[in-house]
Amino acid sequence: MTSLIDIKNYTWRYLYTNQPAVKNINLTLDEGLFLGVIGPNGSGKTTLAYSLNGLIPGQYHGIKEGEVLIDGTEVEAYAKGTLQRQVGVVFSDPEAQFTAMTVEDELVFGMENLGMSIPEIRERLEWVVSLTDLQPLLLKPPYEISGGQKQRVALAAVLAMTPRVMILDEPTSMLDPISRKRVFDVLAKLKKEQKNTIIVIEHSLENLIPLADRMAFMLNGELVLEDETRAFFAQIAMLMEKGIFPPDAMQFFHQLALQHMYSGALPLTVEEATQSLRASLARAAGGQS
């Protein structure tokens, strides 16, 4: 894999504010990676996302230090409109992205703006509709469908433009558990079938952790920790001290480890936890025989 995103000593402060929104960020991502970004509200996650696709500084005023490079080129050096073909953003409020009167027109709109041919648009449309399960909704107004459906439409509309980097900014923050799972099911299919670099800013760790190759934790504008997912959660004590609470299964095994009743790596999923628990019980039973 080649390095696709390079952020070097990056600091951004919005005008008329005293403190930087993000400060001294250093981050390198290889192409095809899935990065999960977590942290409390106001920690700089959205500012970082907007910095990657040129919304900052393109549509916001402020003071910038350092570099944000996409495929070796500083975001400010891209010609107007070209960076968005490389980096697509799905916002937490999908209606903010809607411009058309039907779901089908919404999916086609971005591809038309990029000048894709009609055969290419048709092929892409068929692919994203199948991937996101939107066939029954194509003729409906995007403003009249459910929240989970809106989020899948917004995701499909960005995906149809074939960006190399996809950023989802809290895509499930307003969704019920079933709709949240359907959005992550789409991301799982996307990770399996495509080579996009995916960055998801999210609070729902149960859904995020199984997909993430790497995790990043932001706090007060700083990148506190970034690592491969299993190594990241090996720092569970520090994360919990700073208000990040991993899924219950992981916390359970952390407590076992503190009591010297478990010594392996912390399980990342319920399935891993079940296997680890069975193995621990089998060893305990064997030791008593």
C-alpha atoms as a PDB file:
ATOM      1  CA  MET A   1       0.000   0.000   0.000  1.00  0.00           C
ATOM      2  CA  THR A   2       1.124   3.571  -0.689  1.00  0.00           C
ATOM      3  CA  SER A   3       0.659   6.557   1.566  1.00  0.00           C
ATOM      4  CA  LEU A   4      -2.441   8.469   0.486  1.00  0.00           C
ATOM      5  CA  ILE A   5      -2.973  10.906   3.358  1.00  0.00           C
ATOM      6  CA  ASP A   6      -0.163  12.804   5.086  1.00  0.00           C
ATOM      7  CA  ILE A   7      -0.911  15.374   7.771  1.00  0.00           C
ATOM      8  CA  LYS A   8       2.202  17.112   9.041  1.00  0.00           C
ATOM      9  CA  ASN A   9       2.335  19.367  12.090  1.00  0.00           C
ATOM     10  CA  TYR A  10      -1.137  20.636  11.217  1.00  0.00           C
ATOM     11  CA  THR A  11      -2.828  23.327  13.300  1.00  0.00           C
ATOM     12  CA  TRP A  12      -6.028  25.188  12.457  1.00  0.00           C
ATOM     13  CA  ARG A  13      -7.612  28.048  14.396  1.00  0.00           C
ATOM     14  CA  TYR A  14     -10.903  29.568  13.299  1.00  0.00           C
ATOM     15  CA  LEU A  15     -11.029  33.345  13.169  1.00  0.00           C
ATOM     16  CA  TYR A  16     -12.221  35.082  16.327  1.00  0.00           C
ATOM     17  CA  THR A  17     -11.362  32.090  18.517  1.00  0.00           C
ATOM     18  CA  ASN A  18      -8.612  31.906  21.122  1.00  0.00           C
ATOM     19  CA  GLN A  19      -7.718  28.233  20.883  1.00  0.00           C
ATOM     20  CA  PRO A  20      -6.913  26.076  17.832  1.00  0.00           C
ATOM     21  CA  ALA A  21      -9.624  23.607  16.811  1.00  0.00           C
ATOM     22  CA  VAL A  22      -6.866  21.114  15.994  1.00  0.00           C
ATOM     23  CA  LYS A  23      -3.228  21.465  16.950  1.00  0.00           C
ATOM     24  CA  ASN A  24      -0.021  19.809  15.830  1.00  0.00           C
ATOM     25  CA  ILE A  25      -1.714  16.851  14.135  1.00  0.00           C
ATOM     26  CA  ASN A  26       0.553  14.269  12.513  1.00  0.00           C
ATOM     27  CA  LEU A  27      -1.140  11.376  10.736  1.00  0.00           C
ATOM     28  CA  THR A  28      -0.262   9.125   7.803  1.00  0.00           C
ATOM     29  CA  LEU A  29      -2.737   6.718   6.201  1.00  0.00           C
ATOM     30  CA  ASP A  30      -2.040   4.157   3.509  1.00  0.00           C
ATOM     31  CA  GLU A  31      -4.479   3.651   0.688  1.00  0.00           C
ATOM     32  CA  GLY A  32      -7.258   1.161   1.417  1.00  0.00           C
ATOM     33  CA  LEU A  33      -7.211   1.514   5.210  1.00  0.00           C
ATOM     34  CA  PHE A  34     -10.309   1.873   7.391  1.00  0.00           C
ATOM     35  CA  LEU A  35      -9.728   4.395  10.205  1.00  0.00           C
ATOM     36  CA  GLY A  36     -12.117   4.909  13.096  1.00  0.00           C
ATOM     37  CA  VAL A  37     -11.945   8.307  14.811  1.00  0.00           C
ATOM     38  CA  ILE A  38     -13.372   8.766  18.288  1.00  0.00           C
ATOM     39  CA  GLY A  39     -13.452  11.496  20.903  1.00  0.00           C
ATOM     40  CA  PRO A  40     -15.904  13.768  22.725  1.00  0.00           C
ATOM     41  CA  ASN A  41     -17.812  16.571  21.034  1.00  0.00           C
ATOM     42  CA  GLY A  42     -15.592  19.573  20.403  1.00  0.00           C
ATOM     43  CA  SER A  43     -12.399  17.533  20.183  1.00  0.00           C
ATOM     44  CA  GLY A  44     -11.632  18.589  16.587  1.00  0.00           C
ATOM     45  CA  LYS A  45     -12.843  15.521  14.693  1.00  0.00           C
ATOM     46  CA  THR A  46     -15.088  17.397  12.241  1.00  0.00           C
ATOM     47  CA  THR A  47     -12.469  20.100  11.686  1.00  0.00           C
ATOM     48  CA  LEU A  48      -9.992  17.386  10.745  1.00  0.00           C
ATOM     49  CA  ALA A  49     -12.519  15.834   8.334  1.00  0.00           C
ATOM     50  CA  TYR A  50     -13.237  19.167   6.643  1.00  0.00           C
ATOM     51  CA  SER A  51      -9.500  19.809   6.347  1.00  0.00           C
ATOM     52  CA  LEU A  52      -9.082  16.668   4.271  1.00  0.00           C
ATOM     53  CA  ASN A  53     -11.507  17.618   1.511  1.00  0.00           C
ATOM     54  CA  GLY A  54     -10.735  21.325   1.307  1.00  0.00           C
ATOM     55  CA  LEU A  55     -13.815  22.689   3.072  1.00  0.00           C
ATOM     56  CA  ILE A  56     -11.156  24.038   5.406  1.00  0.00           C
ATOM     57  CA  PRO A  57      -9.774  26.468   4.421  1.00  0.00           C
ATOM     58  CA  GLY A  58     -11.944  26.704   1.294  1.00  0.00           C
ATOM     59  CA  GLN A  59     -15.206  27.694   2.999  1.00  0.00           C
ATOM     60  CA  TYR A  60     -13.989  28.667   6.465  1.00  0.00           C
ATOM     61  CA  HIS A  61     -11.670  31.463   7.526  1.00  0.00           C
ATOM     62  CA  GLY A  62      -8.864  30.876   9.931  1.00  0.00           C
ATOM     63  CA  ILE A  63      -5.137  30.499  10.466  1.00  0.00           C
ATOM     64  CA  LYS A  64      -3.399  27.380   9.198  1.00  0.00           C
ATOM     65  CA  GLU A  65      -0.031  25.937  10.070  1.00  0.00           C
ATOM     66  CA  GLY A  66       1.515  22.756   8.708  1.00  0.00           C
ATOM     67  CA  GLU A  67       0.448  20.620   5.753  1.00  0.00           C
ATOM     68  CA  VAL A  68      -2.479  18.441   4.726  1.00  0.00           C
ATOM     69  CA  LEU A  69      -1.507  16.306   1.733  1.00  0.00           C
ATOM     70  CA  ILE A  70      -3.711  14.049  -0.369  1.00  0.00           C
ATOM     71  CA  ASP A  71      -1.725  11.788  -2.686  1.00  0.00           C
ATOM     72  CA  GLY A  72       1.317  14.006  -2.161  1.00  0.00           C
ATOM     73  CA  THR A  73      -0.424  17.293  -3.000  1.00  0.00           C
ATOM     74  CA  GLU A  74      -1.417  19.977  -0.500  1.00  0.00           C
ATOM     75  CA  VAL A  75      -5.221  20.316  -0.430  1.00  0.00           C
ATOM     76  CA  GLU A  76      -4.991  24.035  -1.226  1.00  0.00           C
ATOM     77  CA  ALA A  77      -3.053  23.278  -4.414  1.00  0.00           C
ATOM     78  CA  TYR A  78      -5.894  21.309  -6.009  1.00  0.00           C
ATOM     79  CA  ALA A  79      -7.884  23.079  -8.706  1.00  0.00           C
ATOM     80  CA  LYS A  80     -11.406  23.982  -7.667  1.00  0.00           C
ATOM     81  CA  GLY A  81     -13.655  20.918  -7.684  1.00  0.00           C
ATOM     82  CA  THR A  82     -10.907  18.360  -8.306  1.00  0.00           C
ATOM     83  CA  LEU A  83     -10.169  17.481  -4.679  1.00  0.00           C
ATOM     84  CA  GLN A  84     -13.804  16.516  -4.117  1.00  0.00           C
ATOM     85  CA  ARG A  85     -13.373  13.750  -6.668  1.00  0.00           C
ATOM     86  CA  GLN A  86     -10.555  12.382  -4.534  1.00  0.00           C
ATOM     87  CA  VAL A  87     -12.171  12.946  -1.123  1.00  0.00           C
ATOM     88  CA  GLY A  88     -15.903  12.609  -0.439  1.00  0.00           C
ATOM     89  CA  VAL A  89     -17.636  13.541   2.817  1.00  0.00           C
ATOM     90  CA  VAL A  90     -20.904  12.173   4.209  1.00  0.00           C
ATOM     91  CA  PHE A  91     -22.217  14.551   6.864  1.00  0.00           C
ATOM     92  CA  SER A  92     -24.067  13.657  10.060  1.00  0.00           C
ATOM     93  CA  ASP A  93     -27.141  15.482   8.701  1.00  0.00           C
ATOM     94  CA  PRO A  94     -27.725  13.889   5.274  1.00  0.00           C
ATOM     95  CA  GLU A  95     -30.379  16.439   4.282  1.00  0.00           C
ATOM     96  CA  ALA A  96     -27.641  19.065   4.166  1.00  0.00           C
ATOM     97  CA  GLN A  97     -26.326  17.287   1.059  1.00  0.00           C
ATOM     98  CA  PHE A  98     -29.596  16.781  -0.809  1.00  0.00           C
ATOM     99  CA  THR A  99     -30.246  18.835  -3.943  1.00  0.00           C
ATOM    100  CA  ALA A 100     -32.686  16.737  -6.030  1.00  0.00           C
ATOM    101  CA  MET A 101     -36.375  15.834  -5.913  1.00  0.00           C
ATOM    102  CA  THR A 102     -35.973  12.049  -6.104  1.00  0.00           C
ATOM    103  CA  VAL A 103     -33.454   9.583  -4.709  1.00  0.00           C
ATOM    104  CA  GLU A 104     -32.418   8.538  -8.214  1.00  0.00           C
ATOM    105  CA  ASP A 105     -31.754  12.137  -9.259  1.00  0.00           C
ATOM    106  CA  GLU A 106     -29.782  12.653  -6.048  1.00  0.00           C
ATOM    107  CA  LEU A 107     -27.542   9.705  -6.864  1.00  0.00           C
ATOM    108  CA  VAL A 108     -27.013  10.882 -10.432  1.00  0.00           C
ATOM    109  CA  PHE A 109     -26.428  14.566  -9.628  1.00  0.00           C
ATOM    110  CA  GLY A 110     -22.805  14.308  -8.537  1.00  0.00           C
ATOM    111  CA  MET A 111     -21.829  12.006 -11.387  1.00  0.00           C
ATOM    112  CA  GLU A 112     -23.293  14.427 -13.918  1.00  0.00           C
ATOM    113  CA  ASN A 113     -21.321  17.283 -12.371  1.00  0.00           C
ATOM    114  CA  LEU A 114     -18.148  15.254 -12.785  1.00  0.00           C
ATOM    115  CA  GLY A 115     -18.914  14.822 -16.481  1.00  0.00           C
ATOM    116  CA  MET A 116     -19.290  11.048 -16.464  1.00  0.00           C
ATOM    117  CA  SER A 117     -20.709   9.465 -19.598  1.00  0.00           C
ATOM    118  CA  ILE A 118     -24.270   8.138 -19.622  1.00  0.00           C
ATOM    119  CA  PRO A 119     -23.130   4.468 -19.774  1.00  0.00           C
ATOM    120  CA  GLU A 120     -20.752   5.084 -16.870  1.00  0.00           C
ATOM    121  CA  ILE A 121     -23.502   6.802 -14.858  1.00  0.00           C
ATOM    122  CA  ARG A 122     -25.870   3.903 -15.475  1.00  0.00           C
ATOM    123  CA  GLU A 123     -23.248   1.361 -14.423  1.00  0.00           C
ATOM    124  CA  ARG A 124     -22.359   3.312 -11.283  1.00  0.00           C
ATOM    125  CA  LEU A 125     -26.001   3.878 -10.409  1.00  0.00           C
ATOM    126  CA  GLU A 126     -26.802   0.176 -10.661  1.00  0.00           C
ATOM    127  CA  TRP A 127     -23.793  -0.659  -8.495  1.00  0.00           C
ATOM    128  CA  VAL A 128     -24.465   1.799  -5.645  1.00  0.00           C
ATOM    129  CA  VAL A 129     -28.196   1.027  -5.600  1.00  0.00           C
ATOM    130  CA  SER A 130     -27.413  -2.659  -5.194  1.00  0.00           C
ATOM    131  CA  LEU A 131     -24.720  -2.008  -2.585  1.00  0.00           C
ATOM    132  CA  THR A 132     -26.928   0.237  -0.437  1.00  0.00           C
ATOM    133  CA  ASP A 133     -30.254  -1.537  -1.099  1.00  0.00           C
ATOM    134  CA  LEU A 134     -32.019   1.581  -2.399  1.00  0.00           C
ATOM    135  CA  GLN A 135     -33.979   0.129  -5.322  1.00  0.00           C
ATOM    136  CA  PRO A 136     -37.420   0.557  -3.655  1.00  0.00           C
ATOM    137  CA  LEU A 137     -36.671   4.225  -2.916  1.00  0.00           C
ATOM    138  CA  LEU A 138     -35.432   5.530  -6.260  1.00  0.00           C
ATOM    139  CA  LEU A 139     -38.585   7.464  -7.174  1.00  0.00           C
ATOM    140  CA  LYS A 140     -39.250   8.829  -3.681  1.00  0.00           C
ATOM    141  CA  PRO A 141     -38.261  12.331  -2.516  1.00  0.00           C
ATOM    142  CA  PRO A 142     -35.151  12.012  -0.340  1.00  0.00           C
ATOM    143  CA  TYR A 143     -36.699  14.327   2.273  1.00  0.00           C
ATOM    144  CA  GLU A 144     -39.600  11.952   2.919  1.00  0.00           C
ATOM    145  CA  ILE A 145     -37.765   8.720   3.701  1.00  0.00           C
ATOM    146  CA  SER A 146     -36.520   7.510   7.099  1.00  0.00           C
ATOM    147  CA  GLY A 147     -33.336   8.714   8.769  1.00  0.00           C
ATOM    148  CA  GLY A 148     -31.476   5.491   8.073  1.00  0.00           C
ATOM    149  CA  GLN A 149     -32.567   5.551   4.442  1.00  0.00           C
ATOM    150  CA  LYS A 150     -31.455   9.180   4.104  1.00  0.00           C
ATOM    151  CA  GLN A 151     -28.036   8.274   5.419  1.00  0.00           C
ATOM    152  CA  ARG A 152     -27.720   5.418   2.921  1.00  0.00           C
ATOM    153  CA  VAL A 153     -28.741   7.780   0.108  1.00  0.00           C
ATOM    154  CA  ALA A 154     -26.100  10.312   1.176  1.00  0.00           C
ATOM    155  CA  LEU A 155     -23.493   7.542   1.358  1.00  0.00           C
ATOM    156  CA  ALA A 156     -24.478   6.178  -2.060  1.00  0.00           C
ATOM    157  CA  ALA A 157     -24.413   9.647  -3.646  1.00  0.00           C
ATOM    158  CA  VAL A 158     -20.833  10.213  -2.512  1.00  0.00           C
ATOM    159  CA  LEU A 159     -19.749   6.667  -3.321  1.00  0.00           C
ATOM    160  CA  ALA A 160     -21.119   6.944  -6.853  1.00  0.00           C
ATOM    161  CA  MET A 161     -18.519   9.628  -7.580  1.00  0.00           C
ATOM    162  CA  THR A 162     -15.765   7.049  -6.864  1.00  0.00           C
ATOM    163  CA  PRO A 163     -13.669   9.032  -4.378  1.00  0.00           C
ATOM    164  CA  ARG A 164     -10.454   7.402  -3.231  1.00  0.00           C
ATOM    165  CA  VAL A 165     -11.111   8.660   0.299  1.00  0.00           C
ATOM    166  CA  MET A 166     -14.517   8.519   1.984  1.00  0.00           C
ATOM    167  CA  ILE A 167     -15.100  10.387   5.233  1.00  0.00           C
ATOM    168  CA  LEU A 168     -18.250   9.804   7.266  1.00  0.00           C
ATOM    169  CA  ASP A 169     -18.817  12.352  10.015  1.00  0.00           C
ATOM    170  CA  GLU A 170     -20.949  10.684  12.712  1.00  0.00           C
ATOM    171  CA  PRO A 171     -23.197   9.020  10.103  1.00  0.00           C
ATOM    172  CA  THR A 172     -25.346   7.183  12.648  1.00  0.00           C
ATOM    173  CA  SER A 173     -25.663   9.815  15.376  1.00  0.00           C
ATOM    174  CA  MET A 174     -29.392  10.308  14.741  1.00  0.00           C
ATOM    175  CA  LEU A 175     -30.290   6.690  13.908  1.00  0.00           C
ATOM    176  CA  ASP A 176     -31.922   3.853  15.827  1.00  0.00           C
ATOM    177  CA  PRO A 177     -29.886   0.650  16.380  1.00  0.00           C
ATOM    178  CA  ILE A 178     -31.381  -1.179  13.376  1.00  0.00           C
ATOM    179  CA  SER A 179     -30.716   1.697  10.974  1.00  0.00           C
ATOM    180  CA  ARG A 180     -27.255   2.120  12.462  1.00  0.00           C
ATOM    181  CA  LYS A 181     -26.437  -1.509  11.756  1.00  0.00           C
ATOM    182  CA  ARG A 182     -27.641  -1.204   8.148  1.00  0.00           C
ATOM    183  CA  VAL A 183     -25.288   1.719   7.540  1.00  0.00           C
ATOM    184  CA  PHE A 184     -22.378  -0.259   8.956  1.00  0.00           C
ATOM    185  CA  ASP A 185     -23.417  -3.281   6.885  1.00  0.00           C
ATOM    186  CA  VAL A 186     -22.957  -1.092   3.802  1.00  0.00           C
ATOM    187  CA  LEU A 187     -19.533  -0.010   5.050  1.00  0.00           C
ATOM    188  CA  ALA A 188     -18.588  -3.662   5.632  1.00  0.00           C
ATOM    189  CA  LYS A 189     -19.537  -4.527   2.046  1.00  0.00           C
ATOM    190  CA  LEU A 190     -17.648  -1.494   0.792  1.00  0.00           C
ATOM    191  CA  LYS A 191     -14.521  -2.474   2.703  1.00  0.00           C
ATOM    192  CA  LYS A 192     -14.698  -6.023   1.380  1.00  0.00           C
ATOM    193  CA  GLU A 193     -15.418  -5.195  -2.258  1.00  0.00           C
ATOM    194  CA  GLN A 194     -13.572  -1.898  -2.872  1.00  0.00           C
ATOM    195  CA  LYS A 195     -10.227  -0.258  -2.103  1.00  0.00           C
ATOM    196  CA  ASN A 196     -11.430   3.070  -0.788  1.00  0.00           C
ATOM    197  CA  THR A 197      -9.681   4.627   2.167  1.00  0.00           C
ATOM    198  CA  ILE A 198     -12.481   5.044   4.704  1.00  0.00           C
ATOM    199  CA  ILE A 199     -12.481   7.379   7.715  1.00  0.00           C
ATOM    200  CA  VAL A 200     -15.451   7.116  10.058  1.00  0.00           C
ATOM    201  CA  ILE A 201     -16.018   9.543  12.924  1.00  0.00           C
ATOM    202  CA  GLU A 202     -18.349   7.684  15.245  1.00  0.00           C
ATOM    203  CA  HIS A 203     -19.507   7.137  18.826  1.00  0.00           C
ATOM    204  CA  SER A 204     -20.969   3.644  18.239  1.00  0.00           C
ATOM    205  CA  LEU A 205     -17.888   1.575  18.999  1.00  0.00           C
ATOM    206  CA  GLU A 206     -19.678  -1.795  18.830  1.00  0.00           C
ATOM    207  CA  ASN A 207     -20.231  -1.302  15.106  1.00  0.00           C
ATOM    208  CA  LEU A 208     -17.022   0.553  14.350  1.00  0.00           C
ATOM    209  CA  ILE A 209     -14.394  -1.657  15.991  1.00  0.00           C
ATOM    210  CA  PRO A 210     -14.935  -4.821  13.887  1.00  0.00           C
ATOM    211  CA  LEU A 211     -14.325  -2.833  10.680  1.00  0.00           C
ATOM    212  CA  ALA A 212     -11.493  -0.523  11.712  1.00  0.00           C
ATOM    213  CA  ASP A 213      -7.913  -1.377  10.730  1.00  0.00           C
ATOM    214  CA  ARG A 214      -6.716   1.530  12.857  1.00  0.00           C
ATOM    215  CA  MET A 215      -8.242   3.802  15.490  1.00  0.00           C
ATOM    216  CA  ALA A 216      -7.573   7.410  16.449  1.00  0.00           C
ATOM    217  CA  PHE A 217      -8.568   9.248  19.623  1.00  0.00           C
ATOM    218  CA  MET A 218      -8.854  13.036  19.631  1.00  0.00           C
ATOM    219  CA  LEU A 219      -9.204  15.242  22.690  1.00  0.00           C
ATOM    220  CA  ASN A 220      -9.079  19.044  22.970  1.00  0.00           C
ATOM    221  CA  GLY A 221      -7.887  19.331  19.380  1.00  0.00           C
ATOM    222  CA  GLU A 222      -5.006  16.921  19.806  1.00  0.00           C
ATOM    223  CA  LEU A 223      -4.456  13.446  18.392  1.00  0.00           C
ATOM    224  CA  VAL A 224      -3.886  11.643  21.686  1.00  0.00           C
ATOM    225  CA  LEU A 225      -3.541   8.112  20.329  1.00  0.00           C
ATOM    226  CA  GLU A 226      -3.516   6.481  16.881  1.00  0.00           C
ATOM    227  CA  ASP A 227      -2.638   2.843  16.312  1.00  0.00           C
ATOM    228  CA  GLU A 228      -3.677  -0.516  14.876  1.00  0.00           C
ATOM    229  CA  THR A 229      -7.045  -1.354  16.443  1.00  0.00           C
ATOM    230  CA  ARG A 230      -5.941  -4.130  18.794  1.00  0.00           C
ATOM    231  CA  ALA A 231      -2.889  -2.196  19.982  1.00  0.00           C
ATOM    232  CA  PHE A 232      -5.079   0.907  20.365  1.00  0.00           C
ATOM    233  CA  PHE A 233      -7.422  -0.809  22.796  1.00  0.00           C
ATOM    234  CA  ALA A 234      -4.508  -2.260  24.728  1.00  0.00           C
ATOM    235  CA  GLN A 235      -4.471   1.303  26.119  1.00  0.00           C
ATOM    236  CA  ILE A 236      -7.965   0.761  27.537  1.00  0.00           C
ATOM    237  CA  ALA A 237      -7.092   2.110  31.005  1.00  0.00           C
ATOM    238  CA  MET A 238      -5.978   5.455  29.576  1.00  0.00           C
ATOM    239  CA  LEU A 239      -8.992   5.637  27.272  1.00  0.00           C
ATOM    240  CA  MET A 240     -11.423   4.998  30.102  1.00  0.00           C
ATOM    241  CA  GLU A 241      -9.695   7.607  32.262  1.00  0.00           C
ATOM    242  CA  LYS A 242     -10.379  10.117  29.496  1.00  0.00           C
ATOM    243  CA  GLY A 243     -14.046   9.188  29.131  1.00  0.00           C
ATOM    244  CA  ILE A 244     -13.920   6.641  26.296  1.00  0.00           C
ATOM    245  CA  PHE A 245     -15.719   3.443  27.275  1.00  0.00           C
ATOM    246  CA  PRO A 246     -15.193   0.459  24.943  1.00  0.00           C
ATOM    247  CA  PRO A 247     -17.888  -2.207  24.497  1.00  0.00           C
ATOM    248  CA  ASP A 248     -18.922  -4.142  27.605  1.00  0.00           C
ATOM    249  CA  ALA A 249     -17.199  -7.354  26.521  1.00  0.00           C
ATOM    250  CA  MET A 250     -13.863  -5.583  26.269  1.00  0.00           C
ATOM    251  CA  GLN A 251     -14.347  -3.902  29.647  1.00  0.00           C
ATOM    252  CA  PHE A 252     -15.240  -7.284  31.184  1.00  0.00           C
ATOM    253  CA  PHE A 253     -11.967  -8.851  30.060  1.00  0.00           C
ATOM    254  CA  HIS A 254     -10.076  -5.765  31.176  1.00  0.00           C
ATOM    255  CA  GLN A 255     -11.481  -6.276  34.667  1.00  0.00           C
ATOM    256  CA  LEU A 256     -10.508  -9.959  34.538  1.00  0.00           C
ATOM    257  CA  ALA A 257      -6.988  -8.927  33.588  1.00  0.00           C
ATOM    258  CA  LEU A 258      -6.812  -6.513  36.528  1.00  0.00           C
ATOM    259  CA  GLN A 259      -7.723  -9.427  38.809  1.00  0.00           C
ATOM    260  CA  HIS A 260      -5.008 -11.587  37.170  1.00  0.00           C
ATOM    261  CA  MET A 261      -7.707 -13.898  35.828  1.00  0.00           C
ATOM    262  CA  TYR A 262      -6.953 -13.225  32.142  1.00  0.00           C
ATOM    263  CA  SER A 263      -3.681 -12.522  30.351  1.00  0.00           C
ATOM    264  CA  GLY A 264      -4.476 -12.519  26.641  1.00  0.00           C
ATOM    265  CA  ALA A 265      -5.247  -9.692  24.228  1.00  0.00           C
ATOM    266  CA  LEU A 266      -8.547  -7.959  24.841  1.00  0.00           C
ATOM    267  CA  PRO A 267     -11.282  -9.263  22.519  1.00  0.00           C
ATOM    268  CA  LEU A 268     -12.490  -6.726  19.977  1.00  0.00           C
ATOM    269  CA  THR A 269     -15.880  -8.323  19.297  1.00  0.00           C
ATOM    270  CA  VAL A 270     -18.535 -10.366  21.103  1.00  0.00           C
ATOM    271  CA  GLU A 271     -17.496 -13.385  19.028  1.00  0.00           C
ATOM    272  CA  GLU A 272     -13.885 -13.046  20.152  1.00  0.00           C
ATOM    273  CA  ALA A 273     -15.022 -12.559  23.748  1.00  0.00           C
ATOM    274  CA  THR A 274     -17.113 -15.726  23.589  1.00  0.00           C
ATOM    275  CA  GLN A 275     -14.172 -17.744  22.281  1.00  0.00           C
ATOM    276  CA  SER A 276     -11.814 -16.304  24.903  1.00  0.00           C
ATOM    277  CA  LEU A 277     -14.265 -16.997  27.709  1.00  0.00           C
ATOM    278  CA  ARG A 278     -14.786 -20.594  26.582  1.00  0.00           C
ATOM    279  CA  ALA A 279     -11.047 -21.133  26.375  1.00  0.00           C
ATOM    280  CA  SER A 280     -10.527 -19.648  29.835  1.00  0.00           C
ATOM    281  CA  LEU A 281     -13.262 -21.829  31.335  1.00  0.00           C
ATOM    282  CA  ALA A 282     -11.826 -24.927  29.639  1.00  0.00           C
ATOM    283  CA  ARG A 283      -8.378 -24.194  31.059  1.00  0.00           C
ATOM    284  CA  ALA A 284      -9.862 -23.633  34.519  1.00  0.00           C
ATOM    285  CA  ALA A 285     -11.800 -26.903  34.319  1.00  0.00           C
ATOM    286  CA  GLY A 286      -8.700 -28.748  33.167  1.00  0.00           C
ATOM    287  CA  GLY A 287      -6.689 -27.372  36.036  1.00  0.00           C
ATOM    288  CA  GLN A 288      -9.222 -28.672  38.566  1.00  0.00           C
ATOM    289  CA  SER A 289      -9.282 -32.204  37.203  1.00  0.00           C
END
